Amino acid sequence: MMTNKEIAEKLGISPAALSLVINHKPGVSDATREGVLTQLREMGYEHLIKKAPAMPSNNLIFIIFKKHGEILDLHPFFLLLMENIEACARNYGYNILLYTIDQRRPMEPQIRHLNTLDSQGAIIFATEMQPEDMGAIQNLGIPVVALDNDFTNLSCNAVSINNQMGTFQAIEHLISHGILRIGYLKSRIRISSFDERQQGYEAALALHHLSFLPEDVLDLHYSEEGSYRDMSAYLKGRPVLPEAFVADDDTIAIGVLRALIEHGYRVPEDISIIGFNDRPSCTLTEPPLSTINVSKHVLAAEAVEELVHLIRTKENSGLETRSKKIRIGTKLIERQSIAPPKKSG
């Protein structure tokens, strides 16, 4: 039985080159590598050749996290993102695996199965998540990017909507039309995005020295039917309404719009309404609903690009990394639910 040094001499290469070949390390040409491997097999020394490391997969996981399902089960916003995420991942040579985690079921088997999936990284749709829910995800051992939740105080990478910018845009647009008493349609179900939108509403009122009136903030169910029933009950008391409402979400705004019309209010002549998200249903209401647009393509592209960057950074582990928070800007889409500017004088 020859030593590795003797084998290398017989093959006419250095012991170092032989080590590179049998351990599948770079540093020798493909022709040399194939020639040495062939000769080792012919000499009966195939057992020296280490098993080639498995090629990394080209899979990414898109994880849908449902905490209570009251948002995602009713309006699965992630479905509007899926096509864009798949297309962006494909541009980088990756496939997308879809996986759902539902906290209403035992978590341990769901996380255990997730760990068995052959993936380079994960995008987690975190709309319903709370900060304490991120622990199990961050322990997966693969790069993770959170989508639709900033997790401001956590060291994790996130791509989310600039929610305060959105309600700021809505308030400033109404003010530019001479509308100064503006109410808020608030979901009883709270997620981080809704909290940020309400903060934007209150900050915009303060910046423009407008009064914040608690009675103009209406707590409503998060569904078109639920918000319609709640608003209908509220209107029976013949309250003095503000000149306009902005909403946590289109879903609530559409239900309120329907209730106002049925109770004899004219939109936008008597009251203006602005939703948030620019769902397809906004164009089907009467009148069509003005809203804050969130770009699904930009959200998806930024999430995929950031995840690919994390994967490549992990491969170059000597690089220092810091968590990154990316906010995607919003745009007001004006339809027919906003009153025209008031004439001066």
C-alpha atoms as a PDB file:
ATOM      1  CA  MET A   1       0.000   0.000   0.000  1.00  0.00           C
ATOM      2  CA  MET A   2       1.567   3.253  -1.113  1.00  0.00           C
ATOM      3  CA  THR A   3       1.466   6.468   0.847  1.00  0.00           C
ATOM      4  CA  ASN A   4      -0.130   9.581  -0.596  1.00  0.00           C
ATOM      5  CA  LYS A   5       3.342  10.994  -1.240  1.00  0.00           C
ATOM      6  CA  GLU A   6       4.330   7.888  -3.205  1.00  0.00           C
ATOM      7  CA  ILE A   7       1.065   7.959  -5.154  1.00  0.00           C
ATOM      8  CA  ALA A   8       1.654  11.616  -6.033  1.00  0.00           C
ATOM      9  CA  GLU A   9       5.183  10.811  -7.277  1.00  0.00           C
ATOM     10  CA  LYS A  10       3.835   7.969  -9.430  1.00  0.00           C
ATOM     11  CA  LEU A  11       1.220  10.286 -10.931  1.00  0.00           C
ATOM     12  CA  GLY A  12       3.775  13.021 -11.525  1.00  0.00           C
ATOM     13  CA  ILE A  13       2.053  15.640  -9.323  1.00  0.00           C
ATOM     14  CA  SER A  14       2.817  17.188  -5.964  1.00  0.00           C
ATOM     15  CA  PRO A  15       1.302  15.790  -2.735  1.00  0.00           C
ATOM     16  CA  ALA A  16      -0.500  19.134  -2.356  1.00  0.00           C
ATOM     17  CA  ALA A  17      -2.118  18.764  -5.787  1.00  0.00           C
ATOM     18  CA  LEU A  18      -3.178  15.200  -4.938  1.00  0.00           C
ATOM     19  CA  SER A  19      -4.805  16.470  -1.738  1.00  0.00           C
ATOM     20  CA  LEU A  20      -6.734  19.108  -3.691  1.00  0.00           C
ATOM     21  CA  VAL A  21      -8.017  16.484  -6.123  1.00  0.00           C
ATOM     22  CA  ILE A  22      -9.133  13.835  -3.621  1.00  0.00           C
ATOM     23  CA  ASN A  23     -10.791  16.469  -1.386  1.00  0.00           C
ATOM     24  CA  HIS A  24     -12.563  18.189  -4.303  1.00  0.00           C
ATOM     25  CA  LYS A  25     -10.854  21.498  -3.597  1.00  0.00           C
ATOM     26  CA  PRO A  26     -10.133  24.198  -6.198  1.00  0.00           C
ATOM     27  CA  GLY A  27      -6.550  24.844  -7.302  1.00  0.00           C
ATOM     28  CA  VAL A  28      -5.979  22.393 -10.157  1.00  0.00           C
ATOM     29  CA  SER A  29      -7.288  22.409 -13.717  1.00  0.00           C
ATOM     30  CA  ASP A  30     -10.333  20.345 -14.680  1.00  0.00           C
ATOM     31  CA  ALA A  31      -8.189  18.266 -17.057  1.00  0.00           C
ATOM     32  CA  THR A  32      -5.645  17.438 -14.333  1.00  0.00           C
ATOM     33  CA  ARG A  33      -8.419  16.638 -11.852  1.00  0.00           C
ATOM     34  CA  GLU A  34     -10.191  14.221 -14.210  1.00  0.00           C
ATOM     35  CA  GLY A  35      -6.917  12.555 -15.202  1.00  0.00           C
ATOM     36  CA  VAL A  36      -5.814  11.980 -11.594  1.00  0.00           C
ATOM     37  CA  LEU A  37      -9.234  10.634 -10.557  1.00  0.00           C
ATOM     38  CA  THR A  38      -9.203   8.194 -13.494  1.00  0.00           C
ATOM     39  CA  GLN A  39      -5.707   6.915 -12.642  1.00  0.00           C
ATOM     40  CA  LEU A  40      -6.552   6.519  -8.952  1.00  0.00           C
ATOM     41  CA  ARG A  41      -9.521   4.311  -9.871  1.00  0.00           C
ATOM     42  CA  GLU A  42      -7.370   2.248 -12.255  1.00  0.00           C
ATOM     43  CA  MET A  43      -4.713   1.806  -9.545  1.00  0.00           C
ATOM     44  CA  GLY A  44      -7.307   0.595  -7.022  1.00  0.00           C
ATOM     45  CA  TYR A  45      -7.085   3.680  -4.826  1.00  0.00           C
ATOM     46  CA  GLU A  46     -10.641   4.892  -5.356  1.00  0.00           C
ATOM     47  CA  HIS A  47     -11.216   4.705  -1.591  1.00  0.00           C
ATOM     48  CA  LEU A  48      -8.927   7.715  -1.158  1.00  0.00           C
ATOM     49  CA  ILE A  49     -11.355   9.943  -3.088  1.00  0.00           C
ATOM     50  CA  LYS A  50     -13.601  11.760  -0.640  1.00  0.00           C
ATOM     51  CA  LYS A  51     -17.289  11.967  -1.341  1.00  0.00           C
ATOM     52  CA  ALA A  52     -18.009  15.098  -3.354  1.00  0.00           C
ATOM     53  CA  PRO A  53     -19.921  17.704  -1.333  1.00  0.00           C
ATOM     54  CA  ALA A  54     -23.534  18.094  -2.325  1.00  0.00           C
ATOM     55  CA  MET A  55     -24.240  21.037  -4.577  1.00  0.00           C
ATOM     56  CA  PRO A  56     -26.229  23.723  -2.777  1.00  0.00           C
ATOM     57  CA  SER A  57     -29.874  23.835  -3.789  1.00  0.00           C
ATOM     58  CA  ASN A  58     -31.304  26.669  -5.813  1.00  0.00           C
ATOM     59  CA  ASN A  59     -34.404  26.871  -3.624  1.00  0.00           C
ATOM     60  CA  LEU A  60     -35.721  29.779  -1.567  1.00  0.00           C
ATOM     61  CA  ILE A  61     -38.694  29.431   0.792  1.00  0.00           C
ATOM     62  CA  PHE A  62     -41.552  31.920   0.920  1.00  0.00           C
ATOM     63  CA  ILE A  63     -43.059  31.411   4.386  1.00  0.00           C
ATOM     64  CA  ILE A  64     -46.585  32.620   5.136  1.00  0.00           C
ATOM     65  CA  PHE A  65     -46.888  33.169   8.903  1.00  0.00           C
ATOM     66  CA  LYS A  66     -50.434  33.142  10.241  1.00  0.00           C
ATOM     67  CA  LYS A  67     -50.751  34.143  13.878  1.00  0.00           C
ATOM     68  CA  HIS A  68     -54.536  34.419  14.038  1.00  0.00           C
ATOM     69  CA  GLY A  69     -55.474  34.508  10.364  1.00  0.00           C
ATOM     70  CA  GLU A  70     -57.861  37.423  10.843  1.00  0.00           C
ATOM     71  CA  ILE A  71     -55.940  39.482   8.289  1.00  0.00           C
ATOM     72  CA  LEU A  72     -54.425  36.884   5.953  1.00  0.00           C
ATOM     73  CA  ASP A  73     -57.368  34.479   5.834  1.00  0.00           C
ATOM     74  CA  LEU A  74     -59.697  37.311   4.822  1.00  0.00           C
ATOM     75  CA  HIS A  75     -57.428  39.065   2.320  1.00  0.00           C
ATOM     76  CA  PRO A  76     -54.352  37.007   1.384  1.00  0.00           C
ATOM     77  CA  PHE A  77     -52.172  39.945   0.276  1.00  0.00           C
ATOM     78  CA  PHE A  78     -49.296  37.475  -0.137  1.00  0.00           C
ATOM     79  CA  LEU A  79     -51.022  35.986  -3.207  1.00  0.00           C
ATOM     80  CA  LEU A  80     -50.631  39.349  -4.946  1.00  0.00           C
ATOM     81  CA  LEU A  81     -46.897  39.195  -4.164  1.00  0.00           C
ATOM     82  CA  MET A  82     -46.253  35.584  -5.170  1.00  0.00           C
ATOM     83  CA  GLU A  83     -45.991  36.101  -8.923  1.00  0.00           C
ATOM     84  CA  ASN A  84     -43.536  38.979  -8.445  1.00  0.00           C
ATOM     85  CA  ILE A  85     -41.444  37.052  -5.924  1.00  0.00           C
ATOM     86  CA  GLU A  86     -41.232  34.015  -8.207  1.00  0.00           C
ATOM     87  CA  ALA A  87     -40.253  36.146 -11.201  1.00  0.00           C
ATOM     88  CA  CYS A  88     -37.549  38.020  -9.265  1.00  0.00           C
ATOM     89  CA  ALA A  89     -36.155  34.792  -7.775  1.00  0.00           C
ATOM     90  CA  ARG A  90     -36.067  33.182 -11.214  1.00  0.00           C
ATOM     91  CA  ASN A  91     -33.930  36.067 -12.481  1.00  0.00           C
ATOM     92  CA  TYR A  92     -31.313  35.040  -9.909  1.00  0.00           C
ATOM     93  CA  GLY A  93     -31.588  31.341 -10.781  1.00  0.00           C
ATOM     94  CA  TYR A  94     -33.685  30.339  -7.755  1.00  0.00           C
ATOM     95  CA  ASN A  95     -36.940  28.438  -7.348  1.00  0.00           C
ATOM     96  CA  ILE A  96     -39.541  29.379  -4.727  1.00  0.00           C
ATOM     97  CA  LEU A  97     -40.988  26.849  -2.267  1.00  0.00           C
ATOM     98  CA  LEU A  98     -44.221  27.959  -0.565  1.00  0.00           C
ATOM     99  CA  TYR A  99     -44.648  27.034   3.115  1.00  0.00           C
ATOM    100  CA  THR A 100     -47.307  28.083   5.635  1.00  0.00           C
ATOM    101  CA  ILE A 101     -46.790  28.319   9.393  1.00  0.00           C
ATOM    102  CA  ASP A 102     -50.031  28.610  11.352  1.00  0.00           C
ATOM    103  CA  GLN A 103     -49.667  29.455  15.029  1.00  0.00           C
ATOM    104  CA  ARG A 104     -53.153  28.126  15.678  1.00  0.00           C
ATOM    105  CA  ARG A 105     -51.636  24.641  15.260  1.00  0.00           C
ATOM    106  CA  PRO A 106     -48.711  23.074  17.204  1.00  0.00           C
ATOM    107  CA  MET A 107     -45.600  24.989  16.203  1.00  0.00           C
ATOM    108  CA  GLU A 108     -42.844  22.426  16.875  1.00  0.00           C
ATOM    109  CA  PRO A 109     -43.711  19.973  14.053  1.00  0.00           C
ATOM    110  CA  GLN A 110     -44.149  22.882  11.614  1.00  0.00           C
ATOM    111  CA  ILE A 111     -40.699  24.293  12.414  1.00  0.00           C
ATOM    112  CA  ARG A 112     -39.169  20.798  12.393  1.00  0.00           C
ATOM    113  CA  HIS A 113     -40.525  20.119   8.899  1.00  0.00           C
ATOM    114  CA  LEU A 114     -39.386  23.556   7.732  1.00  0.00           C
ATOM    115  CA  ASN A 115     -35.852  22.654   8.833  1.00  0.00           C
ATOM    116  CA  THR A 116     -35.891  19.599   6.540  1.00  0.00           C
ATOM    117  CA  LEU A 117     -36.515  21.652   3.397  1.00  0.00           C
ATOM    118  CA  ASP A 118     -33.536  22.053   1.098  1.00  0.00           C
ATOM    119  CA  SER A 119     -33.247  25.820   0.864  1.00  0.00           C
ATOM    120  CA  GLN A 120     -30.626  28.554   0.741  1.00  0.00           C
ATOM    121  CA  GLY A 121     -32.763  31.183   2.466  1.00  0.00           C
ATOM    122  CA  ALA A 122     -36.277  32.329   3.331  1.00  0.00           C
ATOM    123  CA  ILE A 123     -38.576  35.316   2.901  1.00  0.00           C
ATOM    124  CA  ILE A 124     -41.190  35.356   5.657  1.00  0.00           C
ATOM    125  CA  PHE A 125     -44.443  37.206   5.109  1.00  0.00           C
ATOM    126  CA  ALA A 126     -44.693  38.715   8.568  1.00  0.00           C
ATOM    127  CA  THR A 127     -47.876  40.808   8.448  1.00  0.00           C
ATOM    128  CA  GLU A 128     -49.447  39.114  11.490  1.00  0.00           C
ATOM    129  CA  MET A 129     -46.216  38.460  13.396  1.00  0.00           C
ATOM    130  CA  GLN A 130     -45.138  40.007  16.694  1.00  0.00           C
ATOM    131  CA  PRO A 131     -41.447  40.480  17.619  1.00  0.00           C
ATOM    132  CA  GLU A 132     -41.523  37.461  19.937  1.00  0.00           C
ATOM    133  CA  ASP A 133     -42.542  35.242  17.012  1.00  0.00           C
ATOM    134  CA  MET A 134     -39.252  35.808  15.172  1.00  0.00           C
ATOM    135  CA  GLY A 135     -37.093  33.675  17.480  1.00  0.00           C
ATOM    136  CA  ALA A 136     -37.905  30.317  15.890  1.00  0.00           C
ATOM    137  CA  ILE A 137     -37.461  31.761  12.399  1.00  0.00           C
ATOM    138  CA  GLN A 138     -34.072  33.316  13.161  1.00  0.00           C
ATOM    139  CA  ASN A 139     -32.872  29.938  14.478  1.00  0.00           C
ATOM    140  CA  LEU A 140     -33.431  28.174  11.147  1.00  0.00           C
ATOM    141  CA  GLY A 141     -29.754  28.497  10.263  1.00  0.00           C
ATOM    142  CA  ILE A 142     -30.382  30.100   6.868  1.00  0.00           C
ATOM    143  CA  PRO A 143     -30.577  33.770   5.868  1.00  0.00           C
ATOM    144  CA  VAL A 144     -34.043  35.257   6.443  1.00  0.00           C
ATOM    145  CA  VAL A 145     -35.705  38.465   5.253  1.00  0.00           C
ATOM    146  CA  ALA A 146     -38.972  39.605   6.876  1.00  0.00           C
ATOM    147  CA  LEU A 147     -41.564  41.115   4.540  1.00  0.00           C
ATOM    148  CA  ASP A 148     -44.335  43.574   5.491  1.00  0.00           C
ATOM    149  CA  ASN A 149     -43.107  44.038   9.073  1.00  0.00           C
ATOM    150  CA  ASP A 150     -40.144  46.194  10.089  1.00  0.00           C
ATOM    151  CA  PHE A 151     -39.336  44.602  13.487  1.00  0.00           C
ATOM    152  CA  THR A 152     -37.682  47.917  14.319  1.00  0.00           C
ATOM    153  CA  ASN A 153     -36.090  46.782  17.562  1.00  0.00           C
ATOM    154  CA  LEU A 154     -34.841  43.389  16.311  1.00  0.00           C
ATOM    155  CA  SER A 155     -31.576  42.617  14.548  1.00  0.00           C
ATOM    156  CA  CYS A 156     -33.130  41.120  11.448  1.00  0.00           C
ATOM    157  CA  ASN A 157     -33.361  42.177   7.818  1.00  0.00           C
ATOM    158  CA  ALA A 158     -36.750  43.487   6.789  1.00  0.00           C
ATOM    159  CA  VAL A 159     -38.525  44.999   3.796  1.00  0.00           C
ATOM    160  CA  SER A 160     -41.733  46.826   4.643  1.00  0.00           C
ATOM    161  CA  ILE A 161     -44.105  49.586   3.561  1.00  0.00           C
ATOM    162  CA  ASN A 162     -43.468  53.188   4.564  1.00  0.00           C
ATOM    163  CA  ASN A 163     -46.845  53.240   6.289  1.00  0.00           C
ATOM    164  CA  GLN A 164     -46.494  56.648   7.917  1.00  0.00           C
ATOM    165  CA  MET A 165     -45.621  58.129   4.535  1.00  0.00           C
ATOM    166  CA  GLY A 166     -48.880  56.732   3.152  1.00  0.00           C
ATOM    167  CA  THR A 167     -51.243  58.300   5.670  1.00  0.00           C
ATOM    168  CA  PHE A 168     -49.163  61.496   5.552  1.00  0.00           C
ATOM    169  CA  GLN A 169     -49.807  61.639   1.796  1.00  0.00           C
ATOM    170  CA  ALA A 170     -53.541  61.109   2.350  1.00  0.00           C
ATOM    171  CA  ILE A 171     -53.826  63.854   4.990  1.00  0.00           C
ATOM    172  CA  GLU A 172     -51.765  66.381   3.030  1.00  0.00           C
ATOM    173  CA  HIS A 173     -53.827  65.754  -0.103  1.00  0.00           C
ATOM    174  CA  LEU A 174     -57.076  66.347   1.779  1.00  0.00           C
ATOM    175  CA  ILE A 175     -55.676  69.513   3.345  1.00  0.00           C
ATOM    176  CA  SER A 176     -54.664  70.762  -0.105  1.00  0.00           C
ATOM    177  CA  HIS A 177     -58.350  70.425  -1.044  1.00  0.00           C
ATOM    178  CA  GLY A 178     -59.362  72.609   1.905  1.00  0.00           C
ATOM    179  CA  ILE A 179     -60.542  69.676   4.061  1.00  0.00           C
ATOM    180  CA  LEU A 180     -59.457  70.330   7.654  1.00  0.00           C
ATOM    181  CA  ARG A 181     -61.498  67.991   9.872  1.00  0.00           C
ATOM    182  CA  ILE A 182     -60.274  64.506   9.047  1.00  0.00           C
ATOM    183  CA  GLY A 183     -61.251  61.323  10.864  1.00  0.00           C
ATOM    184  CA  TYR A 184     -59.684  57.887  10.988  1.00  0.00           C
ATOM    185  CA  LEU A 185     -61.182  54.437  10.320  1.00  0.00           C
ATOM    186  CA  LYS A 186     -59.297  52.121  12.680  1.00  0.00           C
ATOM    187  CA  SER A 187     -59.260  48.325  12.588  1.00  0.00           C
ATOM    188  CA  ARG A 188     -59.981  46.589  15.887  1.00  0.00           C
ATOM    189  CA  ILE A 189     -57.446  43.969  14.846  1.00  0.00           C
ATOM    190  CA  ARG A 190     -54.021  45.568  15.288  1.00  0.00           C
ATOM    191  CA  ILE A 191     -50.873  44.788  13.332  1.00  0.00           C
ATOM    192  CA  SER A 192     -47.672  46.818  13.130  1.00  0.00           C
ATOM    193  CA  SER A 193     -48.632  48.327   9.750  1.00  0.00           C
ATOM    194  CA  PHE A 194     -51.939  49.647  11.102  1.00  0.00           C
ATOM    195  CA  ASP A 195     -50.229  51.173  14.147  1.00  0.00           C
ATOM    196  CA  GLU A 196     -47.742  52.948  11.883  1.00  0.00           C
ATOM    197  CA  ARG A 197     -50.517  54.256   9.618  1.00  0.00           C
ATOM    198  CA  GLN A 198     -52.370  55.724  12.564  1.00  0.00           C
ATOM    199  CA  GLN A 199     -49.119  57.308  13.782  1.00  0.00           C
ATOM    200  CA  GLY A 200     -48.742  58.906  10.345  1.00  0.00           C
ATOM    201  CA  TYR A 201     -52.288  60.263  10.575  1.00  0.00           C
ATOM    202  CA  GLU A 202     -51.707  61.802  14.000  1.00  0.00           C
ATOM    203  CA  ALA A 203     -48.284  63.187  13.029  1.00  0.00           C
ATOM    204  CA  ALA A 204     -49.718  64.836   9.896  1.00  0.00           C
ATOM    205  CA  LEU A 205     -52.501  66.505  11.891  1.00  0.00           C
ATOM    206  CA  ALA A 206     -49.944  67.813  14.386  1.00  0.00           C
ATOM    207  CA  LEU A 207     -47.610  69.093  11.665  1.00  0.00           C
ATOM    208  CA  HIS A 208     -50.444  71.076  10.073  1.00  0.00           C
ATOM    209  CA  HIS A 209     -51.763  72.291  13.471  1.00  0.00           C
ATOM    210  CA  LEU A 210     -55.076  70.492  13.072  1.00  0.00           C
ATOM    211  CA  SER A 211     -57.016  69.251  16.075  1.00  0.00           C
ATOM    212  CA  PHE A 212     -56.928  65.556  16.924  1.00  0.00           C
ATOM    213  CA  LEU A 213     -60.480  64.647  17.938  1.00  0.00           C
ATOM    214  CA  PRO A 214     -60.808  61.232  19.614  1.00  0.00           C
ATOM    215  CA  GLU A 215     -64.468  61.069  18.545  1.00  0.00           C
ATOM    216  CA  ASP A 216     -63.327  61.122  14.907  1.00  0.00           C
ATOM    217  CA  VAL A 217     -61.358  57.868  15.322  1.00  0.00           C
ATOM    218  CA  LEU A 218     -63.814  55.008  14.753  1.00  0.00           C
ATOM    219  CA  ASP A 219     -62.987  51.444  15.857  1.00  0.00           C
ATOM    220  CA  LEU A 220     -64.364  48.996  13.301  1.00  0.00           C
ATOM    221  CA  HIS A 221     -64.230  45.304  12.477  1.00  0.00           C
ATOM    222  CA  TYR A 222     -61.627  44.311   9.868  1.00  0.00           C
ATOM    223  CA  SER A 223     -63.904  43.125   7.067  1.00  0.00           C
ATOM    224  CA  GLU A 224     -66.119  44.831   4.547  1.00  0.00           C
ATOM    225  CA  GLU A 225     -69.247  43.365   6.124  1.00  0.00           C
ATOM    226  CA  GLY A 226     -68.079  44.009   9.693  1.00  0.00           C
ATOM    227  CA  SER A 227     -67.093  47.622   9.053  1.00  0.00           C
ATOM    228  CA  TYR A 228     -70.372  48.165   7.165  1.00  0.00           C
ATOM    229  CA  ARG A 229     -72.397  46.890  10.163  1.00  0.00           C
ATOM    230  CA  ASP A 230     -70.365  48.915  12.669  1.00  0.00           C
ATOM    231  CA  MET A 231     -70.648  52.108  10.629  1.00  0.00           C
ATOM    232  CA  SER A 232     -74.364  51.578  10.045  1.00  0.00           C
ATOM    233  CA  ALA A 233     -74.922  51.279  13.790  1.00  0.00           C
ATOM    234  CA  TYR A 234     -72.819  54.392  14.407  1.00  0.00           C
ATOM    235  CA  LEU A 235     -74.713  56.444  11.827  1.00  0.00           C
ATOM    236  CA  LYS A 236     -78.069  55.650  13.458  1.00  0.00           C
ATOM    237  CA  GLY A 237     -77.016  58.010  16.254  1.00  0.00           C
ATOM    238  CA  ARG A 238     -76.860  60.867  13.694  1.00  0.00           C
ATOM    239  CA  PRO A 239     -73.328  61.905  14.707  1.00  0.00           C
ATOM    240  CA  VAL A 240     -71.615  65.018  13.403  1.00  0.00           C
ATOM    241  CA  LEU A 241     -69.123  63.536  10.963  1.00  0.00           C
ATOM    242  CA  PRO A 242     -65.741  64.926   9.889  1.00  0.00           C
ATOM    243  CA  GLU A 243     -65.261  66.162   6.340  1.00  0.00           C
ATOM    244  CA  ALA A 244     -63.190  63.107   5.423  1.00  0.00           C
ATOM    245  CA  PHE A 245     -61.928  59.744   6.632  1.00  0.00           C
ATOM    246  CA  VAL A 246     -58.658  57.958   5.986  1.00  0.00           C
ATOM    247  CA  ALA A 247     -58.497  54.247   6.767  1.00  0.00           C
ATOM    248  CA  ASP A 248     -56.164  51.542   8.034  1.00  0.00           C
ATOM    249  CA  ASP A 249     -57.077  49.495   4.949  1.00  0.00           C
ATOM    250  CA  ASP A 250     -59.256  49.460   1.827  1.00  0.00           C
ATOM    251  CA  THR A 251     -61.333  46.651   3.334  1.00  0.00           C
ATOM    252  CA  ILE A 252     -62.620  48.914   6.107  1.00  0.00           C
ATOM    253  CA  ALA A 253     -63.005  51.927   3.819  1.00  0.00           C
ATOM    254  CA  ILE A 254     -65.190  49.967   1.381  1.00  0.00           C
ATOM    255  CA  GLY A 255     -67.554  48.802   4.134  1.00  0.00           C
ATOM    256  CA  VAL A 256     -67.840  52.350   5.509  1.00  0.00           C
ATOM    257  CA  LEU A 257     -68.433  53.753   2.009  1.00  0.00           C
ATOM    258  CA  ARG A 258     -71.347  51.377   1.537  1.00  0.00           C
ATOM    259  CA  ALA A 259     -72.859  52.313   4.916  1.00  0.00           C
ATOM    260  CA  LEU A 260     -72.572  56.041   4.226  1.00  0.00           C
ATOM    261  CA  ILE A 261     -74.309  55.737   0.859  1.00  0.00           C
ATOM    262  CA  GLU A 262     -77.134  53.637   2.307  1.00  0.00           C
ATOM    263  CA  HIS A 263     -77.705  56.243   5.055  1.00  0.00           C
ATOM    264  CA  GLY A 264     -78.063  59.067   2.569  1.00  0.00           C
ATOM    265  CA  TYR A 265     -74.590  60.569   2.638  1.00  0.00           C
ATOM    266  CA  ARG A 266     -73.051  61.571  -0.666  1.00  0.00           C
ATOM    267  CA  VAL A 267     -69.444  60.581  -1.327  1.00  0.00           C
ATOM    268  CA  PRO A 268     -67.504  62.742  -1.992  1.00  0.00           C
ATOM    269  CA  GLU A 269     -69.891  65.729  -1.855  1.00  0.00           C
ATOM    270  CA  ASP A 270     -70.672  65.285   1.873  1.00  0.00           C
ATOM    271  CA  ILE A 271     -67.626  63.304   2.952  1.00  0.00           C
ATOM    272  CA  SER A 272     -64.395  62.092   1.330  1.00  0.00           C
ATOM    273  CA  ILE A 273     -62.755  58.689   1.933  1.00  0.00           C
ATOM    274  CA  ILE A 274     -59.222  57.395   1.309  1.00  0.00           C
ATOM    275  CA  GLY A 275     -58.279  53.729   1.776  1.00  0.00           C
ATOM    276  CA  PHE A 276     -54.875  52.044   1.954  1.00  0.00           C
ATOM    277  CA  ASN A 277     -53.304  49.273  -0.201  1.00  0.00           C
ATOM    278  CA  ASP A 278     -54.994  49.863  -3.581  1.00  0.00           C
ATOM    279  CA  ARG A 279     -56.711  46.489  -3.683  1.00  0.00           C
ATOM    280  CA  PRO A 280     -58.384  45.530  -6.999  1.00  0.00           C
ATOM    281  CA  SER A 281     -61.804  46.044  -5.389  1.00  0.00           C
ATOM    282  CA  CYS A 282     -61.158  49.804  -5.091  1.00  0.00           C
ATOM    283  CA  THR A 283     -62.085  50.277  -8.753  1.00  0.00           C
ATOM    284  CA  LEU A 284     -65.383  48.404  -8.309  1.00  0.00           C
ATOM    285  CA  THR A 285     -66.963  50.568  -5.608  1.00  0.00           C
ATOM    286  CA  GLU A 286     -69.407  53.386  -6.332  1.00  0.00           C
ATOM    287  CA  PRO A 287     -67.775  55.836  -6.397  1.00  0.00           C
ATOM    288  CA  PRO A 288     -64.348  54.241  -7.057  1.00  0.00           C
ATOM    289  CA  LEU A 289     -62.206  54.478  -3.924  1.00  0.00           C
ATOM    290  CA  SER A 290     -59.171  56.740  -3.648  1.00  0.00           C
ATOM    291  CA  THR A 291     -56.390  54.920  -1.855  1.00  0.00           C
ATOM    292  CA  ILE A 292     -52.711  54.673  -1.005  1.00  0.00           C
ATOM    293  CA  ASN A 293     -50.904  52.407  -3.466  1.00  0.00           C
ATOM    294  CA  VAL A 294     -48.308  49.883  -2.291  1.00  0.00           C
ATOM    295  CA  SER A 295     -46.108  48.516  -5.089  1.00  0.00           C
ATOM    296  CA  LYS A 296     -46.222  44.711  -4.927  1.00  0.00           C
ATOM    297  CA  HIS A 297     -43.447  44.475  -7.527  1.00  0.00           C
ATOM    298  CA  VAL A 298     -41.046  46.715  -5.606  1.00  0.00           C
ATOM    299  CA  LEU A 299     -41.769  44.941  -2.300  1.00  0.00           C
ATOM    300  CA  ALA A 300     -41.086  41.556  -3.891  1.00  0.00           C
ATOM    301  CA  ALA A 301     -37.976  42.682  -5.783  1.00  0.00           C
ATOM    302  CA  GLU A 302     -36.378  44.297  -2.719  1.00  0.00           C
ATOM    303  CA  ALA A 303     -37.062  41.223  -0.559  1.00  0.00           C
ATOM    304  CA  VAL A 304     -35.545  38.815  -3.089  1.00  0.00           C
ATOM    305  CA  GLU A 305     -32.546  41.059  -3.773  1.00  0.00           C
ATOM    306  CA  GLU A 306     -31.832  41.460  -0.064  1.00  0.00           C
ATOM    307  CA  LEU A 307     -32.103  37.711   0.534  1.00  0.00           C
ATOM    308  CA  VAL A 308     -29.739  36.922  -2.359  1.00  0.00           C
ATOM    309  CA  HIS A 309     -27.308  39.489  -0.925  1.00  0.00           C
ATOM    310  CA  LEU A 310     -27.467  37.771   2.481  1.00  0.00           C
ATOM    311  CA  ILE A 311     -26.829  34.357   0.905  1.00  0.00           C
ATOM    312  CA  ARG A 312     -23.793  35.656  -0.944  1.00  0.00           C
ATOM    313  CA  THR A 313     -22.521  37.453   2.156  1.00  0.00           C
ATOM    314  CA  LYS A 314     -22.842  34.218   4.134  1.00  0.00           C
ATOM    315  CA  GLU A 315     -20.677  32.476   1.532  1.00  0.00           C
ATOM    316  CA  ASN A 316     -18.023  35.155   2.190  1.00  0.00           C
ATOM    317  CA  SER A 317     -18.294  34.797   5.958  1.00  0.00           C
ATOM    318  CA  GLY A 318     -15.347  37.066   6.653  1.00  0.00           C
ATOM    319  CA  LEU A 319     -17.481  40.113   5.823  1.00  0.00           C
ATOM    320  CA  GLU A 320     -19.066  42.033   8.692  1.00  0.00           C
ATOM    321  CA  THR A 321     -22.845  42.221   8.447  1.00  0.00           C
ATOM    322  CA  ARG A 322     -25.454  44.459  10.046  1.00  0.00           C
ATOM    323  CA  SER A 323     -29.212  44.122   9.852  1.00  0.00           C
ATOM    324  CA  LYS A 324     -30.901  46.311   7.256  1.00  0.00           C
ATOM    325  CA  LYS A 325     -34.381  47.840   7.279  1.00  0.00           C
ATOM    326  CA  ILE A 326     -35.757  48.786   3.854  1.00  0.00           C
ATOM    327  CA  ARG A 327     -38.907  50.907   3.542  1.00  0.00           C
ATOM    328  CA  ILE A 328     -40.869  51.075   0.284  1.00  0.00           C
ATOM    329  CA  GLY A 329     -42.541  54.389  -0.530  1.00  0.00           C
ATOM    330  CA  THR A 330     -46.250  54.790  -1.239  1.00  0.00           C
ATOM    331  CA  LYS A 331     -48.305  56.745  -3.758  1.00  0.00           C
ATOM    332  CA  LEU A 332     -51.748  58.327  -3.539  1.00  0.00           C
ATOM    333  CA  ILE A 333     -54.164  57.085  -6.198  1.00  0.00           C
ATOM    334  CA  GLU A 334     -56.958  59.643  -6.566  1.00  0.00           C
ATOM    335  CA  ARG A 335     -60.290  58.322  -7.797  1.00  0.00           C
ATOM    336  CA  GLN A 336     -63.785  59.692  -7.261  1.00  0.00           C
ATOM    337  CA  SER A 337     -64.108  59.407  -3.450  1.00  0.00           C
ATOM    338  CA  ILE A 338     -62.304  62.720  -2.750  1.00  0.00           C
ATOM    339  CA  ALA A 339     -64.108  66.057  -3.066  1.00  0.00           C
ATOM    340  CA  PRO A 340     -62.573  68.552  -5.490  1.00  0.00           C
ATOM    341  CA  PRO A 341     -60.585  71.483  -4.033  1.00  0.00           C
ATOM    342  CA  LYS A 342     -62.718  74.137  -2.372  1.00  0.00           C
ATOM    343  CA  LYS A 343     -62.871  77.440  -4.191  1.00  0.00           C
ATOM    344  CA  SER A 344     -61.278  80.291  -2.295  1.00  0.00           C
ATOM    345  CA  GLY A 345     -63.379  83.336  -1.568  1.00  0.00           C
END
